[in-house]
Amino acid sequence: MARGTYAVVDLAALQHNFGVIRQRVGDSNVLSVVKADAYGHGIERVAAALSGSGSDGFGVAIIDEAIQLRDAGIQQPVVLLEGVTSAGDLAEAANQGLDVVVHTVEQLRFFQATSLPRPVRVWLKFDTGMHRLGIHPTQLPEFYRALKSLDSVSDVILMSHLACADEPNSPFSANQLAKFNTTIETVAAVPAGAGKSLANSAGTFSQTGTHFQWVRPGLALYGGSPLQGVTAESLGLKPVMQLSSTVLATRLVKAGDAVGYGAAWIADRDTPVAIVGIGYGDGYPRHVAAQTPVLIRGVRCPLVGRVSMDMIAVDLSPLKLPAGAIGLGEPVIIWGNGLPVEDVAQAAGTINYELLCQVTGRVKRIYR
């Protein structure tokens, strides 16, 4: 018998979100970011759907993800966003026809010292303020000239990454954009039409000046809002994942009785409670706050007690139903339509990205 906890992945919603992004960025190419198993949605099915919608390429973190895409028949450009960590990986990237980010001098030396079976397109990343990956801006002229001189490099795209684009009113993004442009101007050899990429999901929606030739949306594809204080619905995005479970049992908890580990929640009145079959073993955050909602029959019902490995407890009082109306097998929406993942993330003190990515493999994905 199938377990009652599962994630429905709505590929039509995914394609809708891609269309929203495509319309927003005009002539810019869209590099769909599908790292971390497409943010927990399933990399192969997601990439196939986006390929059919006209995605211009795909971004992944590691070479194993890229090979998985190639093995699944994806023919569009696939970019290794963290680059490679060895000359052997560079040779394999060339064999697979991958694009490779260069962000350190060691990676440049791999190109200079390695004979490749075919030329590779390089995305040269320089730091404009995030201080994570990227060469120093003053190194850009040297790196650009060195890469362009190599027969093993077919082209060079210039890129950086926005740190605060999720804060629409932050001046940091404008400062990064200015540094991006002025740094590129220092490289006399860069042609006017050279490929450039700066915008992530947040930049795609909040910083139109960052679109350039390539945008790199991730979260927005999956229906999450990349902007603080802005709902996904207001951006025209639809949730792609609906995480659901079912009721395992119900009971009336008497006033003064406790629920769950540590007796952390004590009923202040007689309270109808449902035990729902999902927990931190499924990726639901253990540290989520009491009162975090789930959706039952369209009504938000708050969590009570601590999250267990396989179960949570929910107060059924908001339903205002007679005893016995909710029973074994009753559907429960953990997040999705009617309950945005952002609401759960806020209650958990985390971000929507993390919740989507940490849904575990024992939660069956159902594609429609």
Protein backbone atom coordinates (compact mmCIF):
# COMPACT_ATOMS: atom_id res chain seq x y z
CA MET A 1 0.00 0.00 0.00
CA ALA A 2 1.34 3.42 -0.95
CA ARG A 3 2.25 5.81 1.84
CA GLY A 4 -0.02 8.82 2.11
CA THR A 5 2.81 11.36 2.05
CA TYR A 6 3.79 12.50 -1.42
CA ALA A 7 4.72 15.53 -3.51
CA VAL A 8 2.78 16.37 -6.64
CA VAL A 9 5.01 18.16 -9.15
CA ASP A 10 2.89 20.18 -11.56
CA LEU A 11 4.89 20.37 -14.80
CA ALA A 12 2.27 22.64 -16.38
CA ALA A 13 2.84 25.14 -13.56
CA LEU A 14 6.59 24.83 -14.14
CA GLN A 15 6.14 25.64 -17.81
CA HIS A 16 3.82 28.51 -16.92
CA ASN A 17 6.50 29.99 -14.65
CA PHE A 18 9.08 29.62 -17.38
CA GLY A 19 6.75 31.55 -19.68
CA VAL A 20 6.39 34.33 -17.11
CA ILE A 21 10.17 34.61 -16.90
CA ARG A 22 10.59 34.46 -20.66
CA GLN A 23 8.12 37.29 -21.12
CA ARG A 24 9.83 39.35 -18.43
CA VAL A 25 13.35 39.10 -19.87
CA GLY A 26 12.53 39.66 -23.54
CA ASP A 27 15.42 38.72 -25.78
CA SER A 28 17.69 37.49 -22.98
CA ASN A 29 18.53 33.80 -22.95
CA VAL A 30 17.21 31.78 -20.01
CA LEU A 31 19.59 29.43 -18.20
CA SER A 32 17.25 27.33 -16.05
CA VAL A 33 18.96 26.37 -12.80
CA VAL A 34 18.22 22.74 -11.92
CA LYS A 35 20.90 22.00 -9.33
CA ALA A 36 20.07 20.03 -6.16
CA ASP A 37 17.70 17.73 -8.06
CA ALA A 38 15.90 20.76 -9.48
CA TYR A 39 15.37 22.18 -5.99
CA GLY A 40 13.90 18.87 -4.90
CA HIS A 41 11.47 18.56 -7.81
CA GLY A 42 13.35 15.92 -9.84
CA ILE A 43 16.04 17.05 -12.25
CA GLU A 44 15.25 14.77 -15.19
CA ARG A 45 11.52 15.41 -15.40
CA VAL A 46 11.95 19.12 -14.75
CA ALA A 47 14.68 19.54 -17.36
CA ALA A 48 12.66 17.63 -19.94
CA ALA A 49 9.65 19.89 -19.37
CA LEU A 50 11.75 23.05 -19.54
CA SER A 51 13.57 21.80 -22.61
CA GLY A 52 10.21 21.39 -24.28
CA SER A 53 9.31 24.95 -23.29
CA GLY A 54 12.42 26.35 -24.96
CA SER A 55 14.93 26.76 -22.16
CA ASP A 56 18.18 28.00 -23.69
CA GLY A 57 20.34 26.06 -21.26
CA PHE A 58 20.61 24.59 -17.78
CA GLY A 59 22.73 25.40 -14.75
CA VAL A 60 23.97 22.76 -12.30
CA ALA A 61 26.39 22.78 -9.39
CA ILE A 62 28.39 19.62 -10.02
CA ILE A 63 29.46 17.47 -12.93
CA ASP A 64 27.38 14.48 -11.78
CA GLU A 65 24.24 16.57 -12.25
CA ALA A 66 25.38 17.59 -15.72
CA ILE A 67 26.08 14.00 -16.75
CA GLN A 68 22.64 13.03 -15.45
CA LEU A 69 21.11 15.61 -17.79
CA ARG A 70 23.12 14.38 -20.77
CA ASP A 71 22.18 10.77 -20.00
CA ALA A 72 18.54 11.88 -19.90
CA GLY A 73 18.86 13.27 -23.42
CA ILE A 74 19.19 16.99 -22.68
CA GLN A 75 21.02 18.60 -25.61
CA GLN A 76 20.99 22.28 -24.62
CA PRO A 77 24.05 23.90 -23.05
CA VAL A 78 24.67 22.78 -19.47
CA VAL A 79 26.79 25.05 -17.29
CA LEU A 80 28.88 23.82 -14.34
CA LEU A 81 28.23 26.78 -12.05
CA GLU A 82 31.02 25.88 -9.62
CA GLY A 83 33.47 24.95 -12.35
CA VAL A 84 35.71 21.90 -12.05
CA THR A 85 38.08 20.78 -9.32
CA SER A 86 40.50 18.72 -11.42
CA ALA A 87 41.93 18.44 -14.91
CA GLY A 88 40.16 15.09 -15.21
CA ASP A 89 36.80 16.70 -14.57
CA LEU A 90 37.60 19.34 -17.18
CA ALA A 91 38.32 16.64 -19.75
CA GLU A 92 35.05 14.91 -18.86
CA ALA A 93 33.20 18.23 -19.14
CA ALA A 94 34.61 18.63 -22.64
CA ASN A 95 33.59 15.07 -23.52
CA GLN A 96 30.06 15.83 -22.37
CA GLY A 97 29.92 19.14 -24.24
CA LEU A 98 29.48 21.18 -21.06
CA ASP A 99 30.07 24.85 -20.37
CA VAL A 100 32.42 25.50 -17.45
CA VAL A 101 32.65 28.40 -15.00
CA VAL A 102 36.16 29.62 -14.20
CA HIS A 103 36.47 31.49 -10.90
CA THR A 104 40.02 30.69 -9.68
CA VAL A 105 43.54 30.73 -11.06
CA GLU A 106 43.75 26.95 -10.57
CA GLN A 107 40.85 26.47 -12.96
CA LEU A 108 42.54 28.71 -15.52
CA ARG A 109 45.65 26.55 -15.24
CA PHE A 110 43.60 23.42 -15.90
CA PHE A 111 42.66 24.92 -19.26
CA GLN A 112 46.22 25.98 -20.00
CA ALA A 113 47.68 22.56 -19.15
CA THR A 114 45.03 20.15 -20.42
CA SER A 115 44.53 18.93 -23.97
CA LEU A 116 40.78 18.73 -24.57
CA PRO A 117 38.88 16.66 -27.14
CA ARG A 118 36.81 19.69 -28.13
CA PRO A 119 36.68 23.40 -27.25
CA VAL A 120 34.71 24.44 -24.17
CA ARG A 121 32.70 27.59 -23.62
CA VAL A 122 33.84 29.32 -20.43
CA TRP A 123 31.78 31.48 -18.09
CA LEU A 124 34.37 33.70 -16.41
CA LYS A 125 33.11 34.72 -12.99
CA PHE A 126 34.38 37.77 -11.17
CA ASP A 127 33.39 39.07 -7.76
CA THR A 128 31.30 42.23 -7.57
CA GLY A 129 30.59 42.17 -3.85
CA MET A 130 29.25 38.80 -2.76
CA HIS A 131 32.73 37.50 -1.88
CA ARG A 132 31.85 33.87 -2.47
CA LEU A 133 33.12 32.70 -5.88
CA GLY A 134 34.88 34.80 -8.47
CA ILE A 135 38.23 36.30 -9.34
CA HIS A 136 39.05 39.81 -8.17
CA PRO A 137 37.85 42.45 -10.64
CA THR A 138 41.43 43.59 -11.25
CA GLN A 139 42.24 40.09 -12.55
CA LEU A 140 39.57 40.16 -15.23
CA PRO A 141 41.71 41.56 -18.10
CA GLU A 142 44.46 38.99 -17.51
CA PHE A 143 42.06 36.03 -17.24
CA TYR A 144 40.00 37.12 -20.22
CA ARG A 145 43.02 37.48 -22.50
CA ALA A 146 44.49 34.18 -21.30
CA LEU A 147 41.28 32.25 -21.95
CA LYS A 148 40.64 33.86 -25.33
CA SER A 149 44.13 32.86 -26.45
CA LEU A 150 43.46 29.14 -25.93
CA ASP A 151 42.31 26.86 -28.73
CA SER A 152 40.52 24.81 -26.06
CA VAL A 153 38.17 27.72 -25.30
CA SER A 154 35.40 28.39 -27.81
CA ASP A 155 34.00 31.54 -26.19
CA VAL A 156 34.00 33.47 -22.92
CA ILE A 157 30.87 34.74 -21.17
CA LEU A 158 31.36 37.19 -18.31
CA MET A 159 29.34 36.64 -15.15
CA SER A 160 28.89 37.59 -11.52
CA HIS A 161 26.24 36.97 -8.87
CA LEU A 162 23.86 39.30 -7.04
CA ALA A 163 23.92 39.13 -3.25
CA CYS A 164 20.91 41.23 -2.26
CA ALA A 165 18.55 41.27 -5.23
CA ASP A 166 15.89 39.66 -3.03
CA GLU A 167 15.71 43.01 -1.21
CA PRO A 168 14.11 45.26 -3.87
CA ASN A 169 15.01 48.48 -2.04
CA SER A 170 18.60 47.58 -1.25
CA PRO A 171 21.23 49.76 -2.98
CA PHE A 172 23.66 46.83 -2.99
CA SER A 173 22.41 45.46 -6.31
CA ALA A 174 22.84 48.81 -8.02
CA ASN A 175 26.39 48.97 -6.70
CA GLN A 176 27.09 45.46 -7.99
CA LEU A 177 25.66 46.30 -11.39
CA ALA A 178 27.84 49.40 -11.60
CA LYS A 179 30.93 47.39 -10.65
CA PHE A 180 29.99 44.70 -13.18
CA ASN A 181 29.80 47.25 -15.99
CA THR A 182 32.85 49.29 -15.06
CA THR A 183 35.00 46.19 -14.58
CA ILE A 184 34.10 44.87 -18.03
CA GLU A 185 34.94 48.27 -19.50
CA THR A 186 38.53 47.79 -18.33
CA VAL A 187 38.95 44.87 -20.72
CA ALA A 188 39.61 46.41 -24.11
CA ALA A 189 39.39 43.05 -25.86
CA VAL A 190 35.76 42.41 -24.85
CA PRO A 191 33.58 42.94 -27.94
CA ALA A 192 30.40 44.97 -27.64
CA GLY A 193 28.17 41.93 -28.04
CA ALA A 194 30.02 39.67 -25.62
CA GLY A 195 27.88 37.39 -23.49
CA LYS A 196 27.17 38.62 -19.97
CA SER A 197 25.17 37.18 -17.08
CA LEU A 198 24.30 38.68 -13.71
CA ALA A 199 20.62 38.12 -12.85
CA ASN A 200 19.38 35.28 -10.68
CA SER A 201 15.66 34.82 -9.96
CA ALA A 202 15.53 37.91 -7.78
CA GLY A 203 17.42 40.02 -10.30
CA THR A 204 15.16 38.76 -13.06
CA PHE A 205 12.14 40.25 -11.27
CA SER A 206 13.59 43.28 -9.50
CA GLN A 207 16.60 44.51 -11.48
CA THR A 208 15.85 44.77 -15.20
CA GLY A 209 19.25 46.34 -15.85
CA THR A 210 20.91 43.07 -14.87
CA HIS A 211 19.33 40.89 -17.56
CA PHE A 212 22.04 41.17 -20.24
CA GLN A 213 22.38 38.17 -22.61
CA TRP A 214 21.67 35.47 -20.00
CA VAL A 215 19.47 35.30 -16.90
CA ARG A 216 19.80 32.42 -14.43
CA PRO A 217 16.46 31.81 -12.68
CA GLY A 218 16.11 29.01 -10.18
CA LEU A 219 13.54 29.44 -7.40
CA ALA A 220 11.09 31.39 -9.56
CA LEU A 221 10.81 28.46 -11.96
CA TYR A 222 9.44 26.38 -9.11
CA GLY A 223 6.89 28.98 -8.09
CA GLY A 224 8.69 30.47 -5.10
CA SER A 225 8.92 34.20 -4.63
CA PRO A 226 12.54 35.36 -4.80
CA LEU A 227 11.68 38.77 -3.32
CA GLN A 228 11.23 39.62 0.33
CA GLY A 229 7.74 40.87 1.10
CA VAL A 230 6.43 40.02 -2.37
CA THR A 231 4.17 37.03 -2.95
CA ALA A 232 4.74 34.57 -5.74
CA GLU A 233 1.13 35.05 -6.80
CA SER A 234 1.66 38.78 -7.34
CA LEU A 235 4.58 37.93 -9.64
CA GLY A 236 2.34 35.66 -11.68
CA LEU A 237 4.04 32.48 -10.45
CA LYS A 238 2.33 29.20 -9.61
CA PRO A 239 3.55 26.65 -7.04
CA VAL A 240 5.04 23.63 -8.77
CA MET A 241 5.29 21.33 -5.75
CA GLN A 242 2.34 20.49 -3.55
CA LEU A 243 3.48 18.49 -0.53
CA SER A 244 0.66 16.46 0.98
CA SER A 245 0.07 13.88 3.65
CA THR A 246 -2.86 12.22 5.41
CA VAL A 247 -4.31 11.93 8.89
CA LEU A 248 -3.17 8.82 10.78
CA ALA A 249 -5.31 9.27 13.87
CA THR A 250 -7.44 11.78 15.77
CA ARG A 251 -8.03 12.26 19.46
CA LEU A 252 -9.54 14.73 21.89
CA VAL A 253 -6.76 16.08 24.08
CA LYS A 254 -8.15 17.17 27.44
CA ALA A 255 -7.24 20.52 28.96
CA GLY A 256 -3.97 20.16 30.85
CA ASP A 257 -2.75 17.19 28.82
CA ALA A 258 0.41 17.39 26.70
CA VAL A 259 1.16 16.37 23.12
CA GLY A 260 4.46 15.13 21.69
CA TYR A 261 8.06 14.79 22.81
CA GLY A 262 9.10 16.80 25.81
CA ALA A 263 5.45 17.54 26.63
CA ALA A 264 6.23 20.87 25.01
CA TRP A 265 2.62 21.74 24.20
CA ILE A 266 -0.10 21.58 26.83
CA ALA A 267 -3.73 22.01 25.89
CA ASP A 268 -5.38 25.01 27.54
CA ARG A 269 -8.80 23.59 26.65
CA ASP A 270 -10.22 20.36 25.33
CA THR A 271 -8.70 20.25 21.82
CA PRO A 272 -9.38 17.98 18.85
CA VAL A 273 -5.99 16.92 17.46
CA ALA A 274 -5.02 15.05 14.30
CA ILE A 275 -1.77 13.12 13.91
CA VAL A 276 -0.46 13.60 10.37
CA GLY A 277 2.03 11.27 8.67
CA ILE A 278 4.92 13.59 7.89
CA GLY A 279 7.99 14.59 9.88
CA TYR A 280 11.62 15.56 9.74
CA GLY A 281 12.42 12.21 8.13
CA ASP A 282 10.56 13.57 5.12
CA GLY A 283 12.30 16.94 5.21
CA TYR A 284 9.67 18.79 7.21
CA PRO A 285 11.71 21.03 9.52
CA ARG A 286 11.92 19.85 13.12
CA HIS A 287 12.49 23.40 14.35
CA VAL A 288 9.30 24.79 12.82
CA ALA A 289 7.35 26.93 15.28
CA ALA A 290 4.12 25.92 16.94
CA GLN A 291 1.12 27.40 15.13
CA THR A 292 2.69 26.75 11.72
CA PRO A 293 -0.30 25.99 9.48
CA VAL A 294 -1.27 23.03 7.38
CA LEU A 295 -4.33 23.01 5.19
CA ILE A 296 -7.28 20.67 5.83
CA ARG A 297 -10.42 21.10 3.74
CA GLY A 298 -9.20 24.54 2.77
CA VAL A 299 -8.80 25.71 6.39
CA ARG A 300 -5.48 26.51 8.03
CA CYS A 301 -4.93 24.37 11.11
CA PRO A 302 -1.95 25.03 13.42
CA LEU A 303 0.72 22.59 14.54
CA VAL A 304 0.90 21.69 18.22
CA GLY A 305 3.81 19.98 19.92
CA ARG A 306 7.16 19.06 18.43
CA VAL A 307 7.76 17.64 14.98
CA SER A 308 8.67 13.94 15.15
CA MET A 309 10.59 11.93 12.56
CA ASP A 310 7.42 10.66 10.89
CA MET A 311 4.55 12.63 12.41
CA ILE A 312 3.19 16.02 13.36
CA ALA A 313 0.18 16.95 15.50
CA VAL A 314 -2.38 19.48 14.32
CA ASP A 315 -5.13 21.36 16.15
CA LEU A 316 -8.43 20.75 14.31
CA SER A 317 -10.35 23.46 16.17
CA PRO A 318 -10.40 25.95 13.25
CA LEU A 319 -12.48 23.47 11.22
CA LYS A 320 -15.37 23.74 13.69
CA LEU A 321 -16.51 20.24 12.76
CA PRO A 322 -18.27 17.67 14.93
CA ALA A 323 -16.26 14.87 16.50
CA GLY A 324 -15.45 12.14 14.02
CA ALA A 325 -15.76 14.33 10.93
CA ILE A 326 -12.00 14.07 10.34
CA GLY A 327 -10.56 10.57 10.36
CA LEU A 328 -7.95 8.21 9.02
CA GLY A 329 -6.83 9.09 5.49
CA GLU A 330 -8.08 12.70 5.50
CA PRO A 331 -5.90 14.68 3.02
CA VAL A 332 -3.61 17.35 4.46
CA ILE A 333 -1.72 19.94 2.41
CA ILE A 334 1.66 20.76 3.95
CA TRP A 335 2.38 23.44 1.36
CA GLY A 336 1.21 24.18 -2.16
CA ASN A 337 -2.02 25.60 -3.54
CA GLY A 338 -3.66 27.70 -0.84
CA LEU A 339 -0.66 27.51 1.47
CA PRO A 340 2.51 29.03 -0.04
CA VAL A 341 5.79 27.44 0.93
CA GLU A 342 6.95 30.92 1.97
CA ASP A 343 4.43 30.87 4.84
CA VAL A 344 5.87 27.63 6.17
CA ALA A 345 9.43 28.88 5.68
CA GLN A 346 8.71 32.03 7.66
CA ALA A 347 7.33 29.98 10.55
CA ALA A 348 10.39 27.72 10.40
CA GLY A 349 12.79 30.65 10.42
CA THR A 350 14.24 29.59 7.08
CA ILE A 351 13.77 30.25 3.37
CA ASN A 352 11.58 28.64 0.75
CA TYR A 353 14.66 27.34 -1.10
CA GLU A 354 15.68 25.17 1.85
CA LEU A 355 12.26 23.62 2.39
CA LEU A 356 11.92 22.60 -1.25
CA CYS A 357 15.45 21.20 -1.46
CA GLN A 358 15.28 19.16 1.73
CA VAL A 359 12.18 17.08 0.91
CA THR A 360 13.70 13.62 1.20
CA GLY A 361 13.77 10.73 -1.21
CA ARG A 362 11.21 8.70 0.70
CA VAL A 363 8.57 11.23 -0.32
CA LYS A 364 7.25 9.95 -3.62
CA ARG A 365 7.11 12.50 -6.46
CA ILE A 366 4.03 12.31 -8.65
CA TYR A 367 4.26 14.21 -11.94
CA ARG A 368 1.33 15.65 -13.77
